[in-house]
């Protein structure tokens, strides 16, 4: 599991994001494209790809893509 693949998966799932637009430091909840629907998309993506359960509360505690990656990585 690496951050580059993780970012690519997020960009593929969220159609509004341009590939290559996210970095580990990106504060994903501050993106103009971000909506509550994307919370559900991320939860489903992480569950499907990594068999890890992420809650809305988990996402609220994450500021950056790297924060989210570290939570997922710690639960794999």
Protein backbone atom coordinates (compact mmCIF):
# COMPACT_ATOMS: atom_id res chain seq x y z
CA UNK A 1 0.00 0.00 0.00
CA UNK A 2 1.48 3.30 -1.05
CA UNK A 3 0.25 6.90 -1.04
CA UNK A 4 0.55 7.30 -4.83
CA UNK A 5 -1.83 4.42 -5.50
CA UNK A 6 -4.17 5.63 -2.76
CA UNK A 7 -4.35 9.11 -4.30
CA UNK A 8 -4.91 7.68 -7.77
CA UNK A 9 -7.82 5.59 -6.49
CA UNK A 10 -9.44 8.64 -4.90
CA UNK A 11 -9.01 10.68 -8.09
CA UNK A 12 -10.57 7.86 -10.13
CA UNK A 13 -13.57 7.58 -7.82
CA UNK A 14 -14.33 11.29 -7.54
CA UNK A 15 -15.13 12.24 -11.11
CA UNK A 16 -14.86 15.97 -10.47
CA UNK A 17 -11.16 15.68 -9.62
CA UNK A 18 -8.55 16.05 -12.32
CA UNK A 19 -6.00 13.22 -12.24
CA UNK A 20 -2.82 14.51 -10.65
CA UNK A 21 -4.59 17.26 -8.71
CA UNK A 22 -4.26 15.66 -5.27
CA UNK A 23 -1.09 15.50 -3.21
CA UNK A 24 -0.52 13.98 0.22
CA UNK A 25 -0.80 17.49 1.68
CA UNK A 26 -4.14 18.31 -0.01
CA UNK A 27 -6.86 19.17 2.49
CA UNK A 28 -9.55 17.21 0.70
CA UNK A 29 -12.49 18.64 2.66
CA UNK A 30 -11.47 22.14 1.52
CA UNK A 31 -11.69 21.26 -2.17
CA UNK A 32 -14.42 23.14 -4.06
CA UNK A 33 -15.53 19.77 -5.49
CA UNK A 34 -15.99 18.22 -2.02
CA UNK A 35 -19.51 17.29 -0.92
CA UNK A 36 -21.21 14.93 1.48
CA UNK A 37 -21.61 12.49 -1.40
CA UNK A 38 -17.81 12.22 -1.56
CA UNK A 39 -17.75 11.09 2.07
CA UNK A 40 -19.83 8.08 1.07
CA UNK A 41 -17.66 7.46 -2.00
CA UNK A 42 -14.48 7.47 0.11
CA UNK A 43 -16.00 5.19 2.75
CA UNK A 44 -17.08 2.71 0.04
CA UNK A 45 -13.72 2.90 -1.77
CA UNK A 46 -11.73 2.23 1.38
CA UNK A 47 -14.03 -0.61 2.41
CA UNK A 48 -13.86 -2.24 -1.03
CA UNK A 49 -10.17 -1.77 -1.77
CA UNK A 50 -8.67 -2.19 1.71
CA UNK A 51 -11.39 -3.97 3.72
CA UNK A 52 -11.18 -1.15 6.28
CA UNK A 53 -14.18 0.53 7.86
CA UNK A 54 -13.95 4.32 7.99
CA UNK A 55 -16.64 6.39 9.66
CA UNK A 56 -17.71 9.96 9.08
CA UNK A 57 -16.06 10.80 12.41
CA UNK A 58 -12.79 9.31 11.15
CA UNK A 59 -12.98 11.53 8.07
CA UNK A 60 -13.70 14.62 10.16
CA UNK A 61 -10.48 14.05 12.09
CA UNK A 62 -8.45 13.86 8.87
CA UNK A 63 -7.30 17.16 7.40
CA UNK A 64 -5.14 15.93 4.52
CA UNK A 65 -5.06 13.01 2.14
CA UNK A 66 -1.98 11.82 4.02
CA UNK A 67 -3.92 11.83 7.31
CA UNK A 68 -6.58 9.62 5.74
CA UNK A 69 -3.94 7.35 4.21
CA UNK A 70 -2.32 6.89 7.63
CA UNK A 71 -5.64 5.96 9.24
CA UNK A 72 -6.32 3.37 6.54
CA UNK A 73 -2.77 2.04 6.67
CA UNK A 74 -2.96 1.63 10.44
CA UNK A 75 -6.10 -0.51 10.10
CA UNK A 76 -5.06 -2.77 7.24
